[in-house]
N, C-alpha and C. Protein backbone atom coordinates (compact mmCIF):
# COMPACT_ATOMS: atom_id res chain seq x y z
N UNK A 1 -6.93 -51.45 -72.77
CA UNK A 1 -6.76 -49.87 -73.23
C UNK A 1 -4.95 -49.91 -73.17
N UNK A 2 -4.57 -49.46 -74.14
CA UNK A 2 -3.09 -49.09 -74.50
C UNK A 2 -2.62 -47.88 -73.43
N UNK A 3 -1.66 -48.04 -72.91
CA UNK A 3 -1.07 -46.89 -71.98
C UNK A 3 -0.53 -45.79 -72.82
N UNK A 4 -1.34 -44.68 -72.65
CA UNK A 4 -0.85 -43.23 -73.82
C UNK A 4 0.07 -43.22 -73.30
N UNK A 5 0.86 -42.34 -74.11
CA UNK A 5 2.37 -41.37 -74.18
C UNK A 5 1.90 -40.32 -73.38
N UNK A 6 2.16 -40.05 -72.64
CA UNK A 6 2.19 -38.54 -71.68
C UNK A 6 2.62 -37.49 -72.31
N UNK A 7 2.13 -36.48 -72.17
CA UNK A 7 2.61 -34.91 -72.22
C UNK A 7 3.80 -34.75 -71.33
N UNK A 8 4.76 -33.87 -71.80
CA UNK A 8 5.94 -33.78 -70.60
C UNK A 8 5.64 -32.33 -70.24
N UNK A 9 6.35 -32.08 -69.15
CA UNK A 9 6.18 -30.41 -68.43
C UNK A 9 7.40 -30.25 -67.75
N UNK A 10 7.88 -29.18 -68.20
CA UNK A 10 9.51 -29.07 -67.58
C UNK A 10 9.21 -27.95 -66.23
N UNK A 11 9.32 -27.86 -65.05
CA UNK A 11 9.26 -27.26 -63.82
C UNK A 11 9.85 -27.34 -63.00
N UNK A 12 10.52 -26.16 -62.96
CA UNK A 12 12.07 -25.62 -62.04
C UNK A 12 13.36 -26.48 -62.30
N UNK A 13 13.24 -26.87 -63.43
CA UNK A 13 14.65 -27.91 -64.04
C UNK A 13 14.27 -29.26 -64.16
N UNK A 14 12.98 -29.76 -63.61
CA UNK A 14 12.54 -31.32 -63.48
C UNK A 14 11.71 -31.33 -64.69
N UNK A 15 11.83 -32.82 -65.19
CA UNK A 15 11.02 -32.89 -66.47
C UNK A 15 9.55 -33.91 -65.68
N UNK A 16 8.70 -33.99 -66.15
CA UNK A 16 7.52 -34.34 -65.25
C UNK A 16 6.51 -35.00 -66.43
N UNK A 17 6.29 -36.27 -66.86
CA UNK A 17 5.38 -36.78 -67.41
C UNK A 17 3.94 -36.64 -67.30
N UNK A 18 3.01 -36.12 -67.77
CA UNK A 18 1.88 -35.73 -67.31
C UNK A 18 0.49 -36.15 -67.28
N UNK A 19 -0.57 -36.55 -66.49
CA UNK A 19 -1.46 -37.46 -67.14
C UNK A 19 -2.66 -36.44 -67.90
N UNK A 20 -2.04 -35.27 -67.66
CA UNK A 20 -3.44 -33.89 -68.25
C UNK A 20 -3.16 -33.68 -69.56
N UNK A 21 -4.18 -33.92 -70.69
CA UNK A 21 -3.78 -33.61 -71.92
C UNK A 21 -4.47 -32.19 -71.90
N UNK A 22 -3.44 -30.88 -71.55
CA UNK A 22 -3.76 -29.54 -71.38
C UNK A 22 -4.14 -29.14 -72.80
N UNK A 23 -3.43 -29.68 -73.80
CA UNK A 23 -3.77 -28.81 -75.59
C UNK A 23 -4.99 -29.44 -75.99
N UNK A 24 -6.08 -30.38 -75.22
CA UNK A 24 -7.22 -30.69 -75.77
C UNK A 24 -8.48 -29.39 -75.68
N UNK A 25 -7.87 -28.50 -74.36
CA UNK A 25 -8.29 -27.74 -73.88
C UNK A 25 -8.70 -26.40 -75.33
N UNK A 26 -7.59 -26.12 -75.73
CA UNK A 26 -7.09 -25.51 -76.85
C UNK A 26 -7.62 -26.18 -77.95
N UNK A 27 -7.61 -26.99 -78.72
CA UNK A 27 -8.15 -27.62 -79.76
C UNK A 27 -9.73 -27.61 -79.50
N UNK A 28 -10.16 -27.89 -78.63
CA UNK A 28 -11.46 -28.25 -78.44
C UNK A 28 -12.33 -26.17 -79.02
N UNK A 29 -11.55 -25.18 -78.47
CA UNK A 29 -11.73 -23.88 -78.91
C UNK A 29 -11.28 -23.73 -79.94
N UNK A 30 -10.18 -24.56 -80.72
CA UNK A 30 -9.90 -24.22 -81.94
C UNK A 30 -9.47 -25.15 -82.76
N UNK A 31 -11.04 -26.30 -83.11
CA UNK A 31 -10.62 -27.32 -83.57
C UNK A 31 -10.35 -27.08 -85.35
N UNK A 32 -10.13 -26.36 -85.75
CA UNK A 32 -9.68 -26.42 -87.02
C UNK A 32 -8.41 -26.53 -87.22
N UNK A 33 -7.66 -25.93 -86.13
CA UNK A 33 -5.83 -26.22 -86.19
C UNK A 33 -5.36 -27.22 -85.81
N UNK A 34 -6.22 -28.29 -85.25
CA UNK A 34 -5.96 -29.80 -84.70
C UNK A 34 -6.15 -30.67 -86.40
N UNK A 35 -5.18 -30.56 -87.32
CA UNK A 35 -5.16 -31.05 -88.69
C UNK A 35 -4.54 -32.72 -88.66
N UNK A 36 -4.40 -33.33 -87.38
CA UNK A 36 -3.83 -34.36 -87.43
C UNK A 36 -4.32 -35.24 -86.57
N UNK A 37 -4.38 -36.45 -86.93
CA UNK A 37 -4.76 -37.88 -85.75
C UNK A 37 -3.54 -38.91 -85.95
N UNK A 38 -4.09 -39.85 -84.94
CA UNK A 38 -3.10 -40.94 -85.12
C UNK A 38 -4.06 -42.38 -85.11
N UNK A 39 -3.15 -43.43 -85.64
CA UNK A 39 -4.19 -44.40 -85.45
C UNK A 39 -2.98 -45.41 -84.90
N UNK A 40 -2.34 -44.76 -83.91
CA UNK A 40 -1.18 -45.55 -83.16
C UNK A 40 -2.41 -45.58 -81.92
N UNK A 41 -2.08 -46.90 -81.05
CA UNK A 41 -3.08 -46.96 -80.15
C UNK A 41 -2.27 -46.37 -78.98
N UNK A 42 -1.43 -45.81 -79.08
CA UNK A 42 -0.53 -45.28 -78.02
C UNK A 42 -0.18 -44.05 -77.59
N UNK A 43 -1.23 -43.17 -79.11
CA UNK A 43 -1.23 -42.14 -79.12
C UNK A 43 -2.83 -41.06 -79.72
N UNK A 44 -3.63 -41.87 -78.91
CA UNK A 44 -4.84 -41.95 -79.70
C UNK A 44 -5.29 -40.23 -79.69
N UNK A 45 -4.80 -39.36 -79.37
CA UNK A 45 -4.95 -37.87 -79.31
C UNK A 45 -4.64 -37.55 -80.31
N UNK A 46 -3.79 -37.68 -81.16
CA UNK A 46 -2.84 -37.97 -82.10
C UNK A 46 -1.56 -36.80 -82.19
N UNK A 47 -1.10 -36.50 -80.86
CA UNK A 47 0.20 -35.73 -80.26
C UNK A 47 0.32 -35.63 -78.87
N UNK A 48 1.57 -35.68 -78.98
CA UNK A 48 2.17 -35.25 -77.74
C UNK A 48 2.86 -33.78 -77.60
N UNK A 49 2.28 -33.62 -76.31
CA UNK A 49 2.37 -31.62 -76.11
C UNK A 49 3.72 -31.54 -75.00
N UNK A 50 4.53 -30.74 -75.47
CA UNK A 50 5.66 -30.36 -74.03
C UNK A 50 4.92 -28.53 -73.77
N UNK A 51 5.33 -28.75 -72.90
CA UNK A 51 5.27 -27.30 -71.73
C UNK A 51 6.42 -27.18 -70.68
N UNK A 52 6.50 -25.87 -70.60
CA UNK A 52 7.58 -25.55 -69.45
C UNK A 52 6.97 -24.30 -68.54
N UNK A 53 7.11 -24.05 -67.89
CA UNK A 53 6.88 -22.72 -67.07
C UNK A 53 8.19 -21.84 -66.89
N UNK A 54 7.89 -20.78 -67.40
CA UNK A 54 8.99 -19.64 -67.94
C UNK A 54 8.42 -18.51 -67.26
N UNK A 55 9.35 -17.75 -66.54
CA UNK A 55 8.85 -16.47 -66.20
C UNK A 55 7.41 -16.24 -65.89
N UNK A 56 7.20 -17.15 -64.84
CA UNK A 56 5.72 -17.39 -64.25
C UNK A 56 4.43 -17.55 -64.94
N UNK A 57 4.94 -18.09 -66.49
CA UNK A 57 3.99 -18.66 -67.38
C UNK A 57 4.26 -19.65 -67.79
N UNK A 58 2.87 -20.29 -68.26
CA UNK A 58 3.13 -21.81 -68.73
C UNK A 58 3.10 -21.80 -70.12
N UNK A 59 3.72 -22.42 -71.11
CA UNK A 59 3.86 -22.28 -72.06
C UNK A 59 3.96 -23.49 -72.82
N UNK A 60 4.06 -23.44 -74.46
CA UNK A 60 3.81 -24.79 -74.97
C UNK A 60 4.90 -24.44 -75.79
N UNK A 61 6.28 -25.73 -75.33
CA UNK A 61 7.62 -25.75 -76.34
C UNK A 61 7.53 -26.45 -77.40
N UNK A 62 6.52 -27.45 -77.69
CA UNK A 62 6.71 -28.42 -79.10
C UNK A 62 5.34 -29.46 -78.71
N UNK A 63 4.72 -29.41 -80.02
CA UNK A 63 3.53 -30.30 -80.67
C UNK A 63 4.33 -31.50 -81.61
N UNK A 64 4.33 -32.99 -81.35
CA UNK A 64 4.72 -33.59 -82.10
C UNK A 64 3.63 -34.59 -82.34
N UNK A 65 3.70 -34.85 -83.93
CA UNK A 65 3.16 -36.06 -84.19
C UNK A 65 3.80 -37.06 -84.91
N UNK A 66 3.07 -38.18 -84.93
CA UNK A 66 3.97 -39.13 -86.07
C UNK A 66 4.29 -39.31 -87.01
N UNK A 67 5.58 -38.98 -87.64
CA UNK A 67 5.50 -38.87 -88.88
C UNK A 67 5.10 -39.85 -90.38
N UNK A 68 4.32 -39.43 -90.94
CA UNK A 68 3.66 -40.74 -91.63
C UNK A 68 4.81 -41.12 -92.55
N UNK A 69 5.84 -40.20 -93.07
CA UNK A 69 6.74 -40.20 -94.19
C UNK A 69 8.18 -41.76 -93.55
N UNK A 70 7.96 -41.81 -92.43
CA UNK A 70 9.33 -42.65 -92.34
C UNK A 70 8.30 -44.25 -91.75
N UNK A 71 9.18 -45.44 -91.77
CA UNK A 71 8.57 -46.59 -91.03
C UNK A 71 8.79 -47.00 -89.63
N UNK A 72 9.78 -46.09 -89.26
CA UNK A 72 10.00 -46.05 -87.68
C UNK A 72 9.23 -45.17 -86.97
N UNK A 73 8.42 -45.29 -85.93
CA UNK A 73 7.80 -44.42 -85.39
C UNK A 73 8.25 -43.14 -85.09
N UNK A 74 8.38 -42.38 -85.90
CA UNK A 74 9.68 -41.24 -85.38
C UNK A 74 8.23 -40.07 -85.21
N UNK A 75 8.91 -39.11 -84.06
CA UNK A 75 7.85 -38.02 -84.32
C UNK A 75 8.48 -36.63 -84.38
N UNK A 76 7.82 -35.61 -85.18
CA UNK A 76 8.06 -34.69 -86.03
C UNK A 76 6.96 -33.52 -85.26
N UNK A 77 7.92 -32.11 -85.34
CA UNK A 77 7.16 -31.27 -84.52
C UNK A 77 6.40 -30.11 -85.51
N UNK A 78 5.37 -29.97 -84.90
CA UNK A 78 4.12 -29.48 -86.05
C UNK A 78 3.80 -28.14 -84.89
N UNK A 79 4.52 -27.76 -84.01
CA UNK A 79 4.10 -26.71 -83.37
C UNK A 79 3.96 -25.16 -84.25
N UNK A 80 4.91 -24.93 -85.18
CA UNK A 80 4.93 -23.74 -86.02
C UNK A 80 3.54 -23.89 -87.08
N UNK A 81 2.96 -24.85 -87.12
CA UNK A 81 1.75 -24.90 -87.90
C UNK A 81 0.44 -24.59 -86.58
N UNK A 82 0.50 -24.89 -85.73
CA UNK A 82 -0.52 -24.58 -84.83
C UNK A 82 -0.38 -23.32 -84.15
N UNK A 83 0.62 -22.77 -83.79
CA UNK A 83 0.90 -21.57 -82.76
C UNK A 83 1.78 -20.94 -83.80
N UNK A 84 1.26 -19.77 -84.34
CA UNK A 84 1.87 -18.66 -85.18
C UNK A 84 2.75 -18.01 -84.15
N UNK A 85 3.89 -18.21 -83.83
CA UNK A 85 4.60 -17.55 -82.81
C UNK A 85 4.54 -17.61 -81.42
N UNK A 86 2.90 -17.42 -81.22
CA UNK A 86 2.60 -17.59 -79.39
C UNK A 86 2.64 -18.35 -78.89
N UNK A 87 3.32 -18.98 -77.78
CA UNK A 87 2.80 -19.95 -77.34
C UNK A 87 2.66 -19.74 -75.88
N UNK A 88 2.35 -18.76 -75.24
CA UNK A 88 1.42 -18.49 -74.08
C UNK A 88 0.10 -19.77 -73.60
N UNK A 89 -0.09 -20.51 -72.57
CA UNK A 89 -1.21 -20.77 -73.08
C UNK A 89 -2.39 -19.87 -71.97
N UNK A 90 -2.30 -18.78 -72.17
CA UNK A 90 -3.82 -18.15 -71.70
C UNK A 90 -4.90 -18.52 -71.90
N UNK A 91 -5.27 -19.59 -72.45
CA UNK A 91 -6.45 -20.24 -72.64
C UNK A 91 -6.16 -21.27 -71.14
N UNK A 92 -5.30 -21.82 -70.40
CA UNK A 92 -5.68 -22.88 -69.52
C UNK A 92 -5.42 -21.81 -68.18
N UNK A 93 -6.68 -22.46 -67.86
CA UNK A 93 -6.79 -22.12 -66.18
C UNK A 93 -7.15 -23.73 -65.79
N UNK A 94 -6.54 -23.86 -64.07
CA UNK A 94 -6.50 -24.86 -63.75
C UNK A 94 -5.37 -25.40 -62.82
N UNK A 95 -5.45 -27.09 -62.83
CA UNK A 95 -4.10 -27.59 -62.00
C UNK A 95 -3.24 -28.78 -62.98
N UNK A 96 -2.19 -28.64 -62.46
CA UNK A 96 -1.40 -29.73 -63.62
C UNK A 96 -0.89 -30.41 -62.45
N UNK A 97 -1.12 -31.79 -62.36
CA UNK A 97 -0.47 -32.63 -61.02
C UNK A 97 0.71 -33.33 -61.81
N UNK A 98 1.83 -32.86 -61.17
CA UNK A 98 3.19 -33.58 -61.21
C UNK A 98 3.89 -34.55 -60.44
N UNK A 99 2.95 -35.07 -59.34
CA UNK A 99 3.58 -36.16 -58.99
C UNK A 99 3.83 -37.45 -59.46
N UNK A 100 4.68 -38.33 -59.42
CA UNK A 100 4.54 -39.52 -59.62
C UNK A 100 3.62 -40.79 -59.06
N UNK A 101 2.38 -40.48 -58.81
CA UNK A 101 1.07 -41.45 -58.63
C UNK A 101 0.90 -42.31 -59.29
N UNK A 102 0.76 -43.11 -58.70
CA UNK A 102 0.82 -44.59 -59.44
C UNK A 102 -0.46 -45.36 -59.01
N UNK A 103 -1.25 -45.14 -59.74
CA UNK A 103 -2.75 -45.22 -59.25
C UNK A 103 -2.77 -47.19 -59.05
N UNK A 104 -1.89 -47.79 -59.19
CA UNK A 104 -2.15 -49.04 -58.92
C UNK A 104 -1.48 -49.48 -57.74
N UNK A 105 -0.64 -48.58 -57.00
CA UNK A 105 0.04 -48.19 -55.74
C UNK A 105 -0.91 -49.01 -54.49
N UNK A 106 -0.40 -49.95 -53.80
CA UNK A 106 -1.53 -50.19 -52.63
C UNK A 106 -0.84 -49.73 -51.70
N UNK A 107 -0.28 -48.68 -51.26
CA UNK A 107 -0.20 -47.69 -49.99
C UNK A 107 -0.68 -46.20 -50.72
N UNK A 108 -1.69 -45.85 -50.76
CA UNK A 108 -2.21 -44.75 -51.20
C UNK A 108 -1.47 -43.61 -50.14
N UNK A 109 -1.82 -43.76 -48.91
CA UNK A 109 -1.49 -43.43 -47.95
C UNK A 109 0.01 -42.85 -47.80
N UNK A 110 1.03 -43.61 -48.47
CA UNK A 110 2.17 -42.92 -48.45
C UNK A 110 2.40 -42.31 -49.42
N UNK A 111 1.44 -41.86 -50.54
CA UNK A 111 2.03 -40.74 -51.35
C UNK A 111 1.85 -39.59 -51.04
N UNK A 112 2.58 -38.92 -51.88
CA UNK A 112 2.78 -37.52 -51.82
C UNK A 112 2.17 -36.97 -53.14
N UNK A 113 1.17 -36.00 -53.36
CA UNK A 113 0.64 -34.99 -54.19
C UNK A 113 0.92 -34.01 -54.44
N UNK A 114 1.45 -33.62 -55.71
CA UNK A 114 1.82 -31.97 -56.04
C UNK A 114 1.08 -31.86 -57.21
N UNK A 115 0.58 -30.47 -57.28
CA UNK A 115 -0.10 -29.90 -57.85
C UNK A 115 0.10 -28.23 -58.50
N UNK A 116 0.02 -28.19 -59.48
CA UNK A 116 0.69 -26.61 -60.06
C UNK A 116 -0.63 -25.91 -60.61
N UNK A 117 -0.75 -24.63 -60.03
CA UNK A 117 -1.75 -24.15 -60.00
C UNK A 117 -1.86 -22.89 -61.20
N UNK A 118 -2.57 -22.73 -62.10
CA UNK A 118 -2.62 -21.64 -63.06
C UNK A 118 -3.88 -21.01 -63.38
N UNK A 119 -3.43 -19.90 -63.69
CA UNK A 119 -5.06 -18.90 -63.98
C UNK A 119 -4.71 -18.16 -65.47
N UNK A 120 -5.32 -18.15 -66.20
CA UNK A 120 -5.30 -18.26 -67.78
C UNK A 120 -3.11 -17.68 -68.02
N UNK A 121 -2.71 -19.06 -67.79
CA UNK A 121 -1.54 -19.44 -68.02
C UNK A 121 -0.38 -18.83 -67.15
N UNK A 122 -0.96 -18.29 -66.08
CA UNK A 122 0.15 -17.40 -65.34
C UNK A 122 0.21 -18.69 -64.23
N UNK A 123 1.49 -18.59 -63.56
CA UNK A 123 2.02 -19.67 -62.33
C UNK A 123 1.22 -19.01 -61.23
N UNK A 124 0.40 -19.35 -60.27
CA UNK A 124 -0.34 -19.14 -59.15
C UNK A 124 0.80 -20.07 -57.96
N UNK A 125 0.66 -21.05 -58.22
CA UNK A 125 1.71 -21.32 -57.07
C UNK A 125 1.55 -23.25 -57.12
N UNK A 126 2.58 -23.62 -56.49
CA UNK A 126 2.34 -25.12 -56.13
C UNK A 126 2.23 -25.96 -54.83
N UNK A 127 0.90 -26.44 -54.87
CA UNK A 127 0.40 -27.47 -53.67
C UNK A 127 1.04 -28.88 -53.33
N UNK A 128 1.44 -29.03 -52.09
CA UNK A 128 1.85 -30.19 -51.85
C UNK A 128 0.71 -31.00 -50.71
N UNK A 129 0.77 -32.18 -50.85
CA UNK A 129 -0.38 -33.02 -50.29
C UNK A 129 0.13 -34.22 -49.36
N UNK A 130 -0.46 -34.60 -48.49
CA UNK A 130 -0.33 -36.19 -48.00
C UNK A 130 -1.63 -36.55 -48.52
N UNK A 131 -1.99 -38.04 -48.41
CA UNK A 131 -2.96 -38.56 -48.89
C UNK A 131 -4.72 -37.88 -48.00
N UNK A 132 -4.74 -37.88 -47.06
CA UNK A 132 -5.53 -36.95 -46.61
C UNK A 132 -5.88 -35.69 -47.08
N UNK A 133 -4.64 -34.89 -47.01
CA UNK A 133 -5.24 -33.56 -47.26
C UNK A 133 -5.48 -33.61 -48.78
N UNK A 134 -4.89 -34.47 -49.81
CA UNK A 134 -5.14 -34.20 -50.86
C UNK A 134 -7.28 -34.89 -51.26
N UNK A 135 -7.19 -36.05 -50.59
CA UNK A 135 -9.01 -36.04 -50.52
C UNK A 135 -9.92 -34.71 -50.06
N UNK A 136 -9.55 -34.20 -49.00
CA UNK A 136 -10.36 -32.95 -48.39
C UNK A 136 -10.13 -31.88 -49.51
N UNK A 137 -8.77 -31.70 -50.21
CA UNK A 137 -8.84 -30.79 -51.35
C UNK A 137 -10.00 -31.27 -52.42
N UNK A 138 -9.43 -32.22 -52.88
CA UNK A 138 -10.56 -32.96 -54.07
C UNK A 138 -12.14 -32.62 -53.44
N UNK A 139 -12.46 -32.56 -52.39
CA UNK A 139 -14.00 -32.87 -51.62
C UNK A 139 -14.06 -31.02 -51.68
N UNK A 140 -13.32 -30.65 -51.20
CA UNK A 140 -13.43 -28.99 -51.18
C UNK A 140 -13.86 -28.29 -52.71
N UNK A 141 -12.71 -28.76 -53.97
CA UNK A 141 -12.92 -28.04 -55.02
C UNK A 141 -14.40 -29.14 -55.75
N UNK A 142 -14.70 -30.09 -55.19
CA UNK A 142 -16.08 -30.68 -55.88
C UNK A 142 -17.37 -29.75 -55.24
N UNK A 143 -17.20 -29.68 -53.73
CA UNK A 143 -18.22 -28.70 -53.58
C UNK A 143 -18.43 -27.22 -54.53
N UNK A 144 -17.22 -26.52 -54.38
CA UNK A 144 -17.19 -25.68 -55.37
C UNK A 144 -17.71 -25.48 -56.87
N UNK A 145 -17.23 -26.63 -57.69
CA UNK A 145 -17.54 -26.85 -58.78
C UNK A 145 -19.15 -27.39 -58.79
N UNK A 146 -19.86 -27.94 -57.98
CA UNK A 146 -20.74 -28.09 -57.97
C UNK A 146 -21.86 -26.82 -57.97
N UNK A 147 -21.23 -26.07 -57.73
CA UNK A 147 -22.14 -24.61 -57.75
C UNK A 147 -22.34 -24.03 -58.93
N UNK A 148 -21.55 -25.03 -60.28
CA UNK A 148 -21.27 -24.08 -61.45
C UNK A 148 -22.57 -24.45 -62.46
N UNK A 149 -22.73 -23.59 -63.44
CA UNK A 149 -23.20 -24.32 -64.75
C UNK A 149 -22.57 -25.38 -65.30
N UNK A 150 -21.17 -25.43 -65.66
CA UNK A 150 -20.54 -26.29 -66.15
C UNK A 150 -20.79 -27.67 -65.14
N UNK A 151 -21.02 -27.70 -64.12
CA UNK A 151 -20.97 -29.07 -63.31
C UNK A 151 -22.39 -29.48 -63.57
N UNK A 152 -23.34 -28.61 -63.89
CA UNK A 152 -24.89 -29.07 -63.90
C UNK A 152 -24.70 -29.82 -65.34
N UNK A 153 -24.50 -29.17 -66.36
CA UNK A 153 -24.48 -29.93 -67.97
C UNK A 153 -23.24 -31.15 -67.73
N UNK A 154 -22.46 -31.19 -66.98
CA UNK A 154 -21.65 -32.47 -67.38
C UNK A 154 -22.78 -33.53 -66.31
N UNK A 155 -23.20 -33.09 -65.24
CA UNK A 155 -23.84 -34.52 -64.60
C UNK A 155 -24.86 -34.61 -64.98
N UNK A 156 -25.63 -33.83 -65.93
CA UNK A 156 -26.53 -34.19 -66.98
C UNK A 156 -26.40 -35.06 -67.93
N UNK A 157 -25.38 -34.70 -68.37
CA UNK A 157 -25.05 -35.64 -69.76
C UNK A 157 -24.35 -37.00 -68.95
N UNK A 158 -23.78 -36.91 -67.97
CA UNK A 158 -23.56 -38.39 -67.29
C UNK A 158 -24.58 -38.97 -66.96
N UNK A 159 -24.86 -38.59 -66.35
CA UNK A 159 -26.48 -39.13 -65.82
C UNK A 159 -27.18 -39.99 -66.65
N UNK A 160 -27.15 -39.76 -68.20
CA UNK A 160 -27.86 -40.03 -69.32
C UNK A 160 -27.38 -41.33 -69.63
N UNK A 161 -26.04 -41.36 -69.56
CA UNK A 161 -25.30 -42.47 -70.10
C UNK A 161 -25.03 -43.42 -68.66
N UNK A 162 -25.14 -43.13 -67.83
CA UNK A 162 -24.95 -43.76 -66.42
C UNK A 162 -26.36 -44.44 -65.94
N UNK A 163 -27.25 -43.61 -66.04
CA UNK A 163 -28.86 -43.47 -65.50
C UNK A 163 -28.60 -43.49 -63.79
N UNK A 164 -27.79 -42.92 -63.22
CA UNK A 164 -27.66 -42.72 -61.81
C UNK A 164 -27.37 -41.09 -61.30
N UNK A 165 -27.77 -40.49 -60.77
CA UNK A 165 -27.14 -39.34 -60.62
C UNK A 165 -25.90 -39.65 -59.48
N UNK A 166 -26.27 -40.48 -58.56
CA UNK A 166 -25.19 -40.74 -57.35
C UNK A 166 -24.03 -41.15 -58.13
N UNK A 167 -24.55 -42.10 -59.26
CA UNK A 167 -22.66 -42.47 -59.84
C UNK A 167 -22.25 -41.38 -60.66
N UNK A 168 -23.03 -40.57 -61.16
CA UNK A 168 -22.83 -39.46 -62.06
C UNK A 168 -21.55 -38.40 -61.01
N UNK A 169 -22.07 -38.37 -59.77
CA UNK A 169 -21.23 -37.67 -58.72
C UNK A 169 -20.29 -38.08 -58.45
N UNK A 170 -20.21 -39.39 -57.83
CA UNK A 170 -18.96 -40.46 -57.87
C UNK A 170 -18.09 -40.35 -58.97
N UNK A 171 -18.28 -40.33 -60.00
CA UNK A 171 -17.46 -40.02 -61.70
C UNK A 171 -16.50 -38.92 -61.51
N UNK A 172 -17.55 -37.67 -61.25
CA UNK A 172 -17.04 -36.41 -61.17
C UNK A 172 -16.17 -36.27 -60.36
N UNK A 173 -16.73 -36.61 -59.08
CA UNK A 173 -15.84 -36.31 -57.63
C UNK A 173 -14.45 -37.25 -57.96
N UNK A 174 -14.22 -38.14 -58.29
CA UNK A 174 -12.89 -39.51 -58.63
C UNK A 174 -12.39 -38.59 -60.01
N UNK A 175 -12.63 -37.71 -60.50
CA UNK A 175 -11.93 -36.70 -61.94
C UNK A 175 -12.05 -35.47 -61.45
N UNK A 176 -12.34 -34.92 -60.58
CA UNK A 176 -12.45 -33.56 -59.81
C UNK A 176 -11.68 -32.67 -60.79
N UNK A 177 -9.99 -32.93 -60.22
CA UNK A 177 -9.01 -31.73 -61.38
C UNK A 177 -8.91 -32.03 -62.56
N UNK A 178 -9.92 -32.94 -63.22
CA UNK A 178 -9.99 -32.82 -65.28
C UNK A 178 -10.98 -31.61 -65.28
N UNK A 179 -12.11 -31.42 -64.22
CA UNK A 179 -12.91 -30.26 -64.55
C UNK A 179 -12.68 -28.88 -64.06
N UNK A 180 -11.78 -28.83 -62.80
CA UNK A 180 -11.75 -27.54 -62.64
C UNK A 180 -10.64 -26.73 -63.20
């Protein structure tokens, strides 16, 4: 699979290329607003989102798509076509990971993990972990997530595809930050 062009988040003056696709939540709730797609394998979701944290709020600062009217792969903004003025991400609650974690790095124990927490677009705080603390945090989040209806439905769907409840739980735990 081709490595995807990552979305961008500006936080405390630093630019982070994030693996989370925050706008997918918005487009799932508002599918008619996603009037673009991409045939480029580096951008299968069809857009690059840009975000910032301003005045304790998560905001969309741009949405760019490939301009079909150019030969070279130029990106053009469609922010005003999607968001008619209001750019607060009040539809987003969860964590955004901003560390530069490399999943192929051999010494995971040396990694530092950093998450930003948001509730309805409001910035709650920044959490930093070492490897052991991060694994404990994910396990705790998983235990809490297992009590929700969202977990039950997700596990049911994954189990149908994998044929194993145990494998479904392993997959959910591995990707827990995407579900909370």
